[in-house]
PDB file of N, CA and C in Angstrom:
ATOM      1  N   MET A   1      27.622-256.820  70.467  1.00  0.00           N
ATOM      2  CA  MET A   1      28.569-255.748  70.284  1.00  0.00           C
ATOM      3  C   MET A   1      28.767-255.056  71.626  1.00  0.00           C
ATOM      4  N   LYS A   2      29.953-255.151  72.196  1.00  0.00           N
ATOM      5  CA  LYS A   2      30.267-254.521  73.474  1.00  0.00           C
ATOM      6  C   LYS A   2      30.614-253.059  73.222  1.00  0.00           C
ATOM      7  N   ILE A   3      29.826-252.171  73.791  1.00  0.00           N
ATOM      8  CA  ILE A   3      29.993-250.740  73.532  1.00  0.00           C
ATOM      9  C   ILE A   3      30.128-249.997  74.852  1.00  0.00           C
ATOM     10  N   ASN A   4      31.053-249.036  74.889  1.00  0.00           N
ATOM     11  CA  ASN A   4      31.110-248.093  75.986  1.00  0.00           C
ATOM     12  C   ASN A   4      30.820-246.710  75.405  1.00  0.00           C
ATOM     13  N   TYR A   5      29.750-246.105  75.865  1.00  0.00           N
ATOM     14  CA  TYR A   5      29.295-244.820  75.330  1.00  0.00           C
ATOM     15  C   TYR A   5      29.966-243.622  76.002  1.00  0.00           C
ATOM     16  N   ASN A   6      30.802-243.865  77.014  1.00  0.00           N
ATOM     17  CA  ASN A   6      31.353-242.769  77.803  1.00  0.00           C
ATOM     18  C   ASN A   6      32.116-241.766  76.934  1.00  0.00           C
ATOM     19  N   GLY A   7      31.735-240.484  77.052  1.00  0.00           N
ATOM     20  CA  GLY A   7      32.412-239.408  76.346  1.00  0.00           C
ATOM     21  C   GLY A   7      31.966-239.203  74.901  1.00  0.00           C
ATOM     22  N   LYS A   8      31.058-240.023  74.411  1.00  0.00           N
ATOM     23  CA  LYS A   8      30.610-239.900  73.022  1.00  0.00           C
ATOM     24  C   LYS A   8      29.554-238.791  72.900  1.00  0.00           C
ATOM     25  N   ILE A   9      29.606-238.076  71.794  1.00  0.00           N
ATOM     26  CA  ILE A   9      28.659-237.000  71.513  1.00  0.00           C
ATOM     27  C   ILE A   9      27.786-237.436  70.341  1.00  0.00           C
ATOM     28  N   PHE A  10      26.469-237.274  70.485  1.00  0.00           N
ATOM     29  CA  PHE A  10      25.515-237.663  69.445  1.00  0.00           C
ATOM     30  C   PHE A  10      24.661-236.478  69.046  1.00  0.00           C
ATOM     31  N   ARG A  11      24.245-236.497  67.777  1.00  0.00           N
ATOM     32  CA  ARG A  11      23.295-235.504  67.254  1.00  0.00           C
ATOM     33  C   ARG A  11      22.241-236.216  66.423  1.00  0.00           C
ATOM     34  N   PRO A  12      20.992-235.773  66.505  1.00  0.00           N
ATOM     35  CA  PRO A  12      19.930-236.379  65.692  1.00  0.00           C
ATOM     36  C   PRO A  12      20.134-236.117  64.199  1.00  0.00           C
ATOM     37  N   VAL A  13      19.841-237.135  63.406  1.00  0.00           N
ATOM     38  CA  VAL A  13      19.862-236.983  61.954  1.00  0.00           C
ATOM     39  C   VAL A  13      18.465-237.224  61.373  1.00  0.00           C
ATOM     40  N   GLN A  14      17.553-237.724  62.213  1.00  0.00           N
ATOM     41  CA  GLN A  14      16.199-238.029  61.746  1.00  0.00           C
ATOM     42  C   GLN A  14      15.282-238.105  62.961  1.00  0.00           C
ATOM     43  N   ASN A  15      14.041-237.591  62.824  1.00  0.00           N
ATOM     44  CA  ASN A  15      13.069-237.674  63.915  1.00  0.00           C
ATOM     45  C   ASN A  15      11.673-237.555  63.333  1.00  0.00           C
ATOM     46  N   THR A  16      10.715-238.188  63.988  1.00  0.00           N
ATOM     47  CA  THR A  16       9.329-238.035  63.557  1.00  0.00           C
ATOM     48  C   THR A  16       8.822-236.669  64.005  1.00  0.00           C
ATOM     49  N   GLU A  17       7.743-236.215  63.383  1.00  0.00           N
ATOM     50  CA  GLU A  17       7.254-234.852  63.559  1.00  0.00           C
ATOM     51  C   GLU A  17       6.878-234.526  65.005  1.00  0.00           C
ATOM     52  N   ASN A  18       6.433-235.531  65.762  1.00  0.00           N
ATOM     53  CA  ASN A  18       6.007-235.287  67.143  1.00  0.00           C
ATOM     54  C   ASN A  18       7.179-235.250  68.131  1.00  0.00           C
ATOM     55  N   GLY A  19       8.396-235.367  67.635  1.00  0.00           N
ATOM     56  CA  GLY A  19       9.580-235.297  68.503  1.00  0.00           C
ATOM     57  C   GLY A  19      10.058-233.869  68.670  1.00  0.00           C
ATOM     58  N   GLU A  20      10.925-233.639  69.655  1.00  0.00           N
ATOM     59  CA  GLU A  20      11.446-232.293  69.913  1.00  0.00           C
ATOM     60  C   GLU A  20      12.928-232.150  69.596  1.00  0.00           C
ATOM     61  N   THR A  21      13.647-233.247  69.388  1.00  0.00           N
ATOM     62  CA  THR A  21      15.065-233.110  69.056  1.00  0.00           C
ATOM     63  C   THR A  21      15.219-232.738  67.590  1.00  0.00           C
ATOM     64  N   THR A  22      16.267-231.968  67.303  1.00  0.00           N
ATOM     65  CA  THR A  22      16.585-231.559  65.938  1.00  0.00           C
ATOM     66  C   THR A  22      18.091-231.745  65.734  1.00  0.00           C
ATOM     67  N   SER A  23      18.557-231.422  64.540  1.00  0.00           N
ATOM     68  CA  SER A  23      19.997-231.531  64.255  1.00  0.00           C
ATOM     69  C   SER A  23      20.818-230.582  65.133  1.00  0.00           C
ATOM     70  N   GLU A  24      20.158-229.634  65.790  1.00  0.00           N
ATOM     71  CA  GLU A  24      20.844-228.691  66.676  1.00  0.00           C
ATOM     72  C   GLU A  24      20.967-229.216  68.111  1.00  0.00           C
ATOM     73  N   THR A  25      20.317-230.337  68.407  1.00  0.00           N
ATOM     74  CA  THR A  25      20.364-230.921  69.749  1.00  0.00           C
ATOM     75  C   THR A  25      21.634-231.751  69.895  1.00  0.00           C
ATOM     76  N   THR A  26      22.371-231.530  70.982  1.00  0.00           N
ATOM     77  CA  THR A  26      23.609-232.264  71.236  1.00  0.00           C
ATOM     78  C   THR A  26      23.488-233.053  72.532  1.00  0.00           C
ATOM     79  N   PHE A  27      23.828-234.331  72.459  1.00  0.00           N
ATOM     80  CA  PHE A  27      23.820-235.236  73.610  1.00  0.00           C
ATOM     81  C   PHE A  27      25.259-235.597  73.959  1.00  0.00           C
ATOM     82  N   LEU A  28      25.639-235.432  75.219  1.00  0.00           N
ATOM     83  CA  LEU A  28      26.940-235.905  75.700  1.00  0.00           C
ATOM     84  C   LEU A  28      26.674-237.092  76.607  1.00  0.00           C
ATOM     85  N   TYR A  29      27.098-238.289  76.165  1.00  0.00           N
ATOM     86  CA  TYR A  29      26.854-239.518  76.912  1.00  0.00           C
ATOM     87  C   TYR A  29      27.976-239.784  77.903  1.00  0.00           C
ATOM     88  N   LYS A  30      27.592-240.236  79.095  1.00  0.00           N
ATOM     89  CA  LYS A  30      28.537-240.695  80.110  1.00  0.00           C
ATOM     90  C   LYS A  30      28.091-242.079  80.543  1.00  0.00           C
ATOM     91  N   GLN A  31      29.044-242.981  80.708  1.00  0.00           N
ATOM     92  CA  GLN A  31      28.709-244.338  81.112  1.00  0.00           C
ATOM     93  C   GLN A  31      29.630-244.796  82.232  1.00  0.00           C
ATOM     94  N   ASN A  32      29.030-245.396  83.259  1.00  0.00           N
ATOM     95  CA  ASN A  32      29.763-245.973  84.378  1.00  0.00           C
ATOM     96  C   ASN A  32      29.175-247.360  84.610  1.00  0.00           C
ATOM     97  N   GLY A  33      29.948-248.406  84.305  1.00  0.00           N
ATOM     98  CA  GLY A  33      29.394-249.759  84.335  1.00  0.00           C
ATOM     99  C   GLY A  33      28.345-249.861  83.240  1.00  0.00           C
ATOM    100  N   ASN A  34      27.137-250.312  83.598  1.00  0.00           N
ATOM    101  CA  ASN A  34      26.076-250.380  82.588  1.00  0.00           C
ATOM    102  C   ASN A  34      25.089-249.218  82.721  1.00  0.00           C
ATOM    103  N   ILE A  35      25.454-248.196  83.541  1.00  0.00           N
ATOM    104  CA  ILE A  35      24.583-247.038  83.741  1.00  0.00           C
ATOM    105  C   ILE A  35      24.998-245.913  82.804  1.00  0.00           C
ATOM    106  N   LEU A  36      24.040-245.442  82.010  1.00  0.00           N
ATOM    107  CA  LEU A  36      24.274-244.371  81.045  1.00  0.00           C
ATOM    108  C   LEU A  36      23.525-243.124  81.489  1.00  0.00           C
ATOM    109  N   THR A  37      24.176-241.967  81.410  1.00  0.00           N
ATOM    110  CA  THR A  37      23.512-240.694  81.653  1.00  0.00           C
ATOM    111  C   THR A  37      23.899-239.732  80.537  1.00  0.00           C
ATOM    112  N   SER A  38      23.071-238.716  80.348  1.00  0.00           N
ATOM    113  CA  SER A  38      23.398-237.690  79.369  1.00  0.00           C
ATOM    114  C   SER A  38      22.686-236.397  79.718  1.00  0.00           C
ATOM    115  N   GLU A  39      23.376-235.298  79.490  1.00  0.00           N
ATOM    116  CA  GLU A  39      22.751-233.984  79.462  1.00  0.00           C
ATOM    117  C   GLU A  39      22.657-233.596  78.003  1.00  0.00           C
ATOM    118  N   TYR A  40      21.567-232.937  77.636  1.00  0.00           N
ATOM    119  CA  TYR A  40      21.421-232.518  76.247  1.00  0.00           C
ATOM    120  C   TYR A  40      20.648-231.209  76.162  1.00  0.00           C
ATOM    121  N   SER A  41      20.870-230.489  75.066  1.00  0.00           N
ATOM    122  CA  SER A  41      20.187-229.227  74.816  1.00  0.00           C
ATOM    123  C   SER A  41      20.399-228.854  73.356  1.00  0.00           C
ATOM    124  N   GLY A  42      19.656-227.827  72.936  1.00  0.00           N
ATOM    125  CA  GLY A  42      19.803-227.315  71.576  1.00  0.00           C
ATOM    126  C   GLY A  42      18.519-227.459  70.782  1.00  0.00           C
ATOM    127  N   GLY A  43      18.343-226.560  69.827  1.00  0.00           N
ATOM    128  CA  GLY A  43      17.123-226.581  69.023  1.00  0.00           C
ATOM    129  C   GLY A  43      15.916-226.235  69.879  1.00  0.00           C
ATOM    130  N   LYS A  44      14.908-227.098  69.898  1.00  0.00           N
ATOM    131  CA  LYS A  44      13.673-226.847  70.644  1.00  0.00           C
ATOM    132  C   LYS A  44      13.800-227.180  72.127  1.00  0.00           C
ATOM    133  N   ILE A  45      14.965-227.688  72.558  1.00  0.00           N
ATOM    134  CA  ILE A  45      15.135-228.144  73.937  1.00  0.00           C
ATOM    135  C   ILE A  45      16.086-227.225  74.693  1.00  0.00           C
ATOM    136  N   LYS A  46      15.571-226.616  75.780  1.00  0.00           N
ATOM    137  CA  LYS A  46      16.416-225.769  76.619  1.00  0.00           C
ATOM    138  C   LYS A  46      17.407-226.622  77.388  1.00  0.00           C
ATOM    139  N   VAL A  47      16.916-227.657  78.059  1.00  0.00           N
ATOM    140  CA  VAL A  47      17.782-228.572  78.806  1.00  0.00           C
ATOM    141  C   VAL A  47      17.068-229.916  78.960  1.00  0.00           C
ATOM    142  N   GLY A  48      17.850-230.981  78.909  1.00  0.00           N
ATOM    143  CA  GLY A  48      17.295-232.311  79.100  1.00  0.00           C
ATOM    144  C   GLY A  48      18.309-233.232  79.747  1.00  0.00           C
ATOM    145  N   HIS A  49      17.806-234.289  80.361  1.00  0.00           N
ATOM    146  CA  HIS A  49      18.640-235.315  80.973  1.00  0.00           C
ATOM    147  C   HIS A  49      18.051-236.678  80.621  1.00  0.00           C
ATOM    148  N   LEU A  50      18.919-237.651  80.463  1.00  0.00           N
ATOM    149  CA  LEU A  50      18.432-239.013  80.322  1.00  0.00           C
ATOM    150  C   LEU A  50      19.253-239.930  81.206  1.00  0.00           C
ATOM    151  N   ILE A  51      18.634-241.044  81.555  1.00  0.00           N
ATOM    152  CA  ILE A  51      19.305-242.095  82.312  1.00  0.00           C
ATOM    153  C   ILE A  51      18.889-243.413  81.693  1.00  0.00           C
ATOM    154  N   GLY A  52      19.829-244.336  81.609  1.00  0.00           N
ATOM    155  CA  GLY A  52      19.503-245.597  80.981  1.00  0.00           C
ATOM    156  C   GLY A  52      20.400-246.723  81.434  1.00  0.00           C
ATOM    157  N   LEU A  53      20.003-247.920  81.049  1.00  0.00           N
ATOM    158  CA  LEU A  53      20.783-249.124  81.303  1.00  0.00           C
ATOM    159  C   LEU A  53      21.240-249.700  79.974  1.00  0.00           C
ATOM    160  N   VAL A  54      22.541-249.958  79.867  1.00  0.00           N
ATOM    161  CA  VAL A  54      23.126-250.510  78.649  1.00  0.00           C
ATOM    162  C   VAL A  54      23.172-252.031  78.772  1.00  0.00           C
ATOM    163  N   SER A  55      22.602-252.731  77.787  1.00  0.00           N
ATOM    164  CA  SER A  55      22.617-254.193  77.755  1.00  0.00           C
ATOM    165  C   SER A  55      23.940-254.695  77.196  1.00  0.00           C
ATOM    166  N   GLU A  56      24.181-255.993  77.325  1.00  0.00           N
ATOM    167  CA  GLU A  56      25.399-256.624  76.798  1.00  0.00           C
ATOM    168  C   GLU A  56      25.561-256.366  75.298  1.00  0.00           C
ATOM    169  N   ASP A  57      24.443-256.297  74.564  1.00  0.00           N
ATOM    170  CA  ASP A  57      24.503-256.092  73.107  1.00  0.00           C
ATOM    171  C   ASP A  57      24.613-254.620  72.718  1.00  0.00           C
ATOM    172  N   GLY A  58      24.706-253.717  73.713  1.00  0.00           N
ATOM    173  CA  GLY A  58      24.857-252.294  73.438  1.00  0.00           C
ATOM    174  C   GLY A  58      23.555-251.530  73.337  1.00  0.00           C
ATOM    175  N   SER A  59      22.417-252.232  73.363  1.00  0.00           N
ATOM    176  CA  SER A  59      21.137-251.524  73.330  1.00  0.00           C
ATOM    177  C   SER A  59      20.915-250.835  74.676  1.00  0.00           C
ATOM    178  N   ILE A  60      20.090-249.779  74.655  1.00  0.00           N
ATOM    179  CA  ILE A  60      19.905-248.956  75.848  1.00  0.00           C
ATOM    180  C   ILE A  60      18.422-248.794  76.152  1.00  0.00           C
ATOM    181  N   ASP A  61      18.058-249.013  77.410  1.00  0.00           N
ATOM    182  CA  ASP A  61      16.705-248.765  77.916  1.00  0.00           C
ATOM    183  C   ASP A  61      16.769-247.422  78.632  1.00  0.00           C
ATOM    184  N   ILE A  62      16.049-246.411  78.101  1.00  0.00           N
ATOM    185  CA  ILE A  62      16.222-245.014  78.528  1.00  0.00           C
ATOM    186  C   ILE A  62      14.931-244.421  79.079  1.00  0.00           C
ATOM    187  N   ARG A  63      15.093-243.555  80.081  1.00  0.00           N
ATOM    188  CA  ARG A  63      14.039-242.652  80.537  1.00  0.00           C
ATOM    189  C   ARG A  63      14.603-241.238  80.410  1.00  0.00           C
ATOM    190  N   TYR A  64      13.768-240.295  79.957  1.00  0.00           N
ATOM    191  CA  TYR A  64      14.271-238.935  79.764  1.00  0.00           C
ATOM    192  C   TYR A  64      13.267-237.890  80.216  1.00  0.00           C
ATOM    193  N   HIS A  65      13.786-236.725  80.536  1.00  0.00           N
ATOM    194  CA  HIS A  65      12.948-235.561  80.823  1.00  0.00           C
ATOM    195  C   HIS A  65      13.651-234.320  80.272  1.00  0.00           C
ATOM    196  N   GLN A  66      12.838-233.369  79.821  1.00  0.00           N
ATOM    197  CA  GLN A  66      13.406-232.174  79.198  1.00  0.00           C
ATOM    198  C   GLN A  66      12.438-231.003  79.322  1.00  0.00           C
ATOM    199  N   ILE A  67      13.013-229.800  79.275  1.00  0.00           N
ATOM    200  CA  ILE A  67      12.227-228.568  79.231  1.00  0.00           C
ATOM    201  C   ILE A  67      12.357-228.023  77.807  1.00  0.00           C
ATOM    202  N   ASN A  68      11.228-227.860  77.128  1.00  0.00           N
ATOM    203  CA  ASN A  68      11.278-227.371  75.749  1.00  0.00           C
ATOM    204  C   ASN A  68      11.219-225.846  75.699  1.00  0.00           C
ATOM    205  N   GLU A  69      11.329-225.305  74.481  1.00  0.00           N
ATOM    206  CA  GLU A  69      11.373-223.844  74.312  1.00  0.00           C
ATOM    207  C   GLU A  69      10.078-223.161  74.754  1.00  0.00           C
ATOM    208  N   LYS A  70       8.987-223.923  74.886  1.00  0.00           N
ATOM    209  CA  LYS A  70       7.715-223.370  75.370  1.00  0.00           C
ATOM    210  C   LYS A  70       7.657-223.358  76.890  1.00  0.00           C
ATOM    211  N   GLY A  71       8.703-223.897  77.555  1.00  0.00           N
ATOM    212  CA  GLY A  71       8.727-223.948  79.004  1.00  0.00           C
ATOM    213  C   GLY A  71       7.984-225.149  79.571  1.00  0.00           C
ATOM    214  N   GLU A  72       7.679-226.138  78.739  1.00  0.00           N
ATOM    215  CA  GLU A  72       6.960-227.336  79.176  1.00  0.00           C
ATOM    216  C   GLU A  72       7.933-228.425  79.618  1.00  0.00           C
ATOM    217  N   LEU A  73       7.577-229.139  80.667  1.00  0.00           N
ATOM    218  CA  LEU A  73       8.335-230.296  81.128  1.00  0.00           C
ATOM    219  C   LEU A  73       7.788-231.523  80.410  1.00  0.00           C
ATOM    220  N   MET A  74       8.639-232.163  79.617  1.00  0.00           N
ATOM    221  CA  MET A  74       8.248-233.339  78.847  1.00  0.00           C
ATOM    222  C   MET A  74       9.055-234.542  79.324  1.00  0.00           C
ATOM    223  N   THR A  75       8.411-235.703  79.373  1.00  0.00           N
ATOM    224  CA  THR A  75       9.076-236.931  79.821  1.00  0.00           C
ATOM    225  C   THR A  75       8.784-238.053  78.840  1.00  0.00           C
ATOM    226  N   GLY A  76       9.655-239.055  78.832  1.00  0.00           N
ATOM    227  CA  GLY A  76       9.424-240.164  77.929  1.00  0.00           C
ATOM    228  C   GLY A  76      10.311-241.356  78.190  1.00  0.00           C
ATOM    229  N   ILE A  77      10.056-242.401  77.413  1.00  0.00           N
ATOM    230  CA  ILE A  77      10.834-243.632  77.451  1.00  0.00           C
ATOM    231  C   ILE A  77      11.361-243.908  76.047  1.00  0.00           C
ATOM    232  N   CYS A  78      12.483-244.612  75.976  1.00  0.00           N
ATOM    233  CA  CYS A  78      13.119-244.852  74.680  1.00  0.00           C
ATOM    234  C   CYS A  78      13.884-246.172  74.712  1.00  0.00           C
ATOM    235  N   GLN A  79      13.803-246.909  73.620  1.00  0.00           N
ATOM    236  CA  GLN A  79      14.640-248.085  73.408  1.00  0.00           C
ATOM    237  C   GLN A  79      15.581-247.743  72.259  1.00  0.00           C
ATOM    238  N   SER A  80      16.873-247.857  72.505  1.00  0.00           N
ATOM    239  CA  SER A  80      17.879-247.441  71.536  1.00  0.00           C
ATOM    240  C   SER A  80      18.716-248.645  71.109  1.00  0.00           C
ATOM    241  N   THR A  81      18.837-248.855  69.795  1.00  0.00           N
ATOM    242  CA  THR A  81      19.575-249.989  69.247  1.00  0.00           C
ATOM    243  C   THR A  81      20.760-249.484  68.427  1.00  0.00           C
ATOM    244  N   PRO A  82      21.990-249.942  68.755  1.00  0.00           N
ATOM    245  CA  PRO A  82      23.173-249.422  68.075  1.00  0.00           C
ATOM    246  C   PRO A  82      23.448-250.093  66.729  1.00  0.00           C
ATOM    247  N   GLU A  83      24.054-249.310  65.845  1.00  0.00           N
ATOM    248  CA  GLU A  83      24.566-249.800  64.561  1.00  0.00           C
ATOM    249  C   GLU A  83      25.970-249.220  64.412  1.00  0.00           C
ATOM    250  N   LEU A  84      26.940-250.071  64.107  1.00  0.00           N
ATOM    251  CA  LEU A  84      28.305-249.610  63.887  1.00  0.00           C
ATOM    252  C   LEU A  84      28.449-249.226  62.419  1.00  0.00           C
ATOM    253  N   LEU A  85      28.819-247.971  62.166  1.00  0.00           N
ATOM    254  CA  LEU A  85      28.960-247.478  60.795  1.00  0.00           C
ATOM    255  C   LEU A  85      30.338-247.851  60.241  1.00  0.00           C
ATOM    256  N   PRO A  86      30.491-247.855  58.904  1.00  0.00           N
ATOM    257  CA  PRO A  86      31.781-248.194  58.287  1.00  0.00           C
ATOM    258  C   PRO A  86      32.940-247.324  58.775  1.00  0.00           C
ATOM    259  N   ASN A  87      32.647-246.067  59.174  1.00  0.00           N
ATOM    260  CA  ASN A  87      33.712-245.169  59.650  1.00  0.00           C
ATOM    261  C   ASN A  87      34.052-245.396  61.126  1.00  0.00           C
ATOM    262  N   GLY A  88      33.434-246.409  61.752  1.00  0.00           N
ATOM    263  CA  GLY A  88      33.722-246.724  63.145  1.00  0.00           C
ATOM    264  C   GLY A  88      32.860-245.978  64.151  1.00  0.00           C
ATOM    265  N   LYS A  89      32.063-245.033  63.674  1.00  0.00           N
ATOM    266  CA  LYS A  89      31.165-244.276  64.554  1.00  0.00           C
ATOM    267  C   LYS A  89      29.883-245.065  64.784  1.00  0.00           C
ATOM    268  N   LEU A  90      29.114-244.639  65.784  1.00  0.00           N
ATOM    269  CA  LEU A  90      27.867-245.318  66.127  1.00  0.00           C
ATOM    270  C   LEU A  90      26.654-244.541  65.633  1.00  0.00           C
ATOM    271  N   ARG A  91      25.649-245.287  65.218  1.00  0.00           N
ATOM    272  CA  ARG A  91      24.330-244.744  64.895  1.00  0.00           C
ATOM    273  C   ARG A  91      23.353-245.459  65.818  1.00  0.00           C
ATOM    274  N   LEU A  92      22.466-244.697  66.458  1.00  0.00           N
ATOM    275  CA  LEU A  92      21.472-245.281  67.349  1.00  0.00           C
ATOM    276  C   LEU A  92      20.083-245.121  66.749  1.00  0.00           C
ATOM    277  N   HIS A  93      19.382-246.245  66.617  1.00  0.00           N
ATOM    278  CA  HIS A  93      17.999-246.266  66.132  1.00  0.00           C
ATOM    279  C   HIS A  93      17.099-246.283  67.361  1.00  0.00           C
ATOM    280  N   GLU A  94      16.254-245.263  67.491  1.00  0.00           N
ATOM    281  CA  GLU A  94      15.483-245.075  68.707  1.00  0.00           C
ATOM    282  C   GLU A  94      13.982-245.181  68.474  1.00  0.00           C
ATOM    283  N   ALA A  95      13.336-245.983  69.305  1.00  0.00           N
ATOM    284  CA  ALA A  95      11.871-246.062  69.341  1.00  0.00           C
ATOM    285  C   ALA A  95      11.463-245.474  70.681  1.00  0.00           C
ATOM    286  N   TRP A  96      10.664-244.413  70.661  1.00  0.00           N
ATOM    287  CA  TRP A  96      10.357-243.702  71.893  1.00  0.00           C
ATOM    288  C   TRP A  96       8.873-243.424  72.026  1.00  0.00           C
ATOM    289  N   GLN A  97       8.498-243.063  73.269  1.00  0.00           N
ATOM    290  CA  GLN A  97       7.114-242.676  73.545  1.00  0.00           C
ATOM    291  C   GLN A  97       7.104-241.616  74.631  1.00  0.00           C
ATOM    292  N   TRP A  98       6.298-240.584  74.411  1.00  0.00           N
ATOM    293  CA  TRP A  98       6.101-239.579  75.442  1.00  0.00           C
ATOM    294  C   TRP A  98       5.325-240.200  76.598  1.00  0.00           C
ATOM    295  N   THR A  99       5.723-239.874  77.842  1.00  0.00           N
ATOM    296  CA  THR A  99       4.932-240.255  79.007  1.00  0.00           C
ATOM    297  C   THR A  99       4.242-239.016  79.573  1.00  0.00           C
ATOM    298  N   ALA A 100       4.371-237.909  78.858  1.00  0.00           N
ATOM    299  CA  ALA A 100       3.690-236.650  79.166  1.00  0.00           C
ATOM    300  C   ALA A 100       2.959-236.217  77.897  1.00  0.00           C
ATOM    301  N   GLY A 101       2.115-235.212  78.030  1.00  0.00           N
ATOM    302  CA  GLY A 101       1.428-234.694  76.843  1.00  0.00           C
ATOM    303  C   GLY A 101       0.515-235.739  76.213  1.00  0.00           C
ATOM    304  N   ASP A 102       0.618-235.902  74.900  1.00  0.00           N
ATOM    305  CA  ASP A 102      -0.309-236.788  74.186  1.00  0.00           C
ATOM    306  C   ASP A 102       0.085-238.272  74.213  1.00  0.00           C
ATOM    307  N   ARG A 103       1.216-238.580  74.843  1.00  0.00           N
ATOM    308  CA  ARG A 103       1.704-239.963  74.975  1.00  0.00           C
ATOM    309  C   ARG A 103       1.916-240.654  73.615  1.00  0.00           C
ATOM    310  N   SER A 104       2.146-239.849  72.590  1.00  0.00           N
ATOM    311  CA  SER A 104       2.362-240.418  71.259  1.00  0.00           C
ATOM    312  C   SER A 104       3.723-241.091  71.162  1.00  0.00           C
ATOM    313  N   LYS A 105       3.854-241.954  70.158  1.00  0.00           N
ATOM    314  CA  LYS A 105       5.098-242.678  69.909  1.00  0.00           C
ATOM    315  C   LYS A 105       5.808-242.071  68.710  1.00  0.00           C
ATOM    316  N   GLY A 106       7.105-242.336  68.626  1.00  0.00           N
ATOM    317  CA  GLY A 106       7.876-241.849  67.492  1.00  0.00           C
ATOM    318  C   GLY A 106       9.156-242.645  67.341  1.00  0.00           C
ATOM    319  N   SER A 107       9.950-242.248  66.357  1.00  0.00           N
ATOM    320  CA  SER A 107      11.253-242.880  66.154  1.00  0.00           C
ATOM    321  C   SER A 107      12.229-241.816  65.707  1.00  0.00           C
ATOM    322  N   SER A 108      13.488-242.058  66.040  1.00  0.00           N
ATOM    323  CA  SER A 108      14.527-241.114  65.659  1.00  0.00           C
ATOM    324  C   SER A 108      15.829-241.868  65.446  1.00  0.00           C
ATOM    325  N   VAL A 109      16.767-241.203  64.793  1.00  0.00           N
ATOM    326  CA  VAL A 109      18.098-241.742  64.580  1.00  0.00           C
ATOM    327  C   VAL A 109      19.084-240.674  65.007  1.00  0.00           C
ATOM    328  N   ILE A 110      20.051-241.059  65.853  1.00  0.00           N
ATOM    329  CA  ILE A 110      21.121-240.143  66.236  1.00  0.00           C
ATOM    330  C   ILE A 110      22.443-240.771  65.865  1.00  0.00           C
ATOM    331  N   GLU A 111      23.429-239.925  65.527  1.00  0.00           N
ATOM    332  CA  GLU A 111      24.736-240.417  65.117  1.00  0.00           C
ATOM    333  C   GLU A 111      25.833-239.763  65.930  1.00  0.00           C
ATOM    334  N   GLU A 112      26.862-240.565  66.178  1.00  0.00           N
ATOM    335  CA  GLU A 112      28.031-240.079  66.908  1.00  0.00           C
ATOM    336  C   GLU A 112      28.769-239.051  66.063  1.00  0.00           C
ATOM    337  N   ARG A 113      29.214-237.974  66.706  1.00  0.00           N
ATOM    338  CA  ARG A 113      29.973-236.908  66.026  1.00  0.00           C
ATOM    339  C   ARG A 113      31.450-237.117  66.222  1.00  0.00           C
TER     340      ARG A 113
END
């Protein structure tokens, strides 16, 4: 599935308890070639940035960093797999791991708005 994420806005619809994103977190994706970037904020996150590489199949290899409401700098890695919904919007299934703090793993789902 050839996907261009440029200009798409995503919001979390599901996250494991050890995650910091909530339904109030908004991601604005920008893509240039196969390079993806995003600024995000909302909910428990004051500000965050991610950078990733988009594969031919639309999956994304991501690294992220964010400042949470406690003032902590958190970092992590994420593998994101796209699903095309019947309404034409995208849903991303994410498997992630903190590279800061307890280094725990989690999963989340975000959907295009």
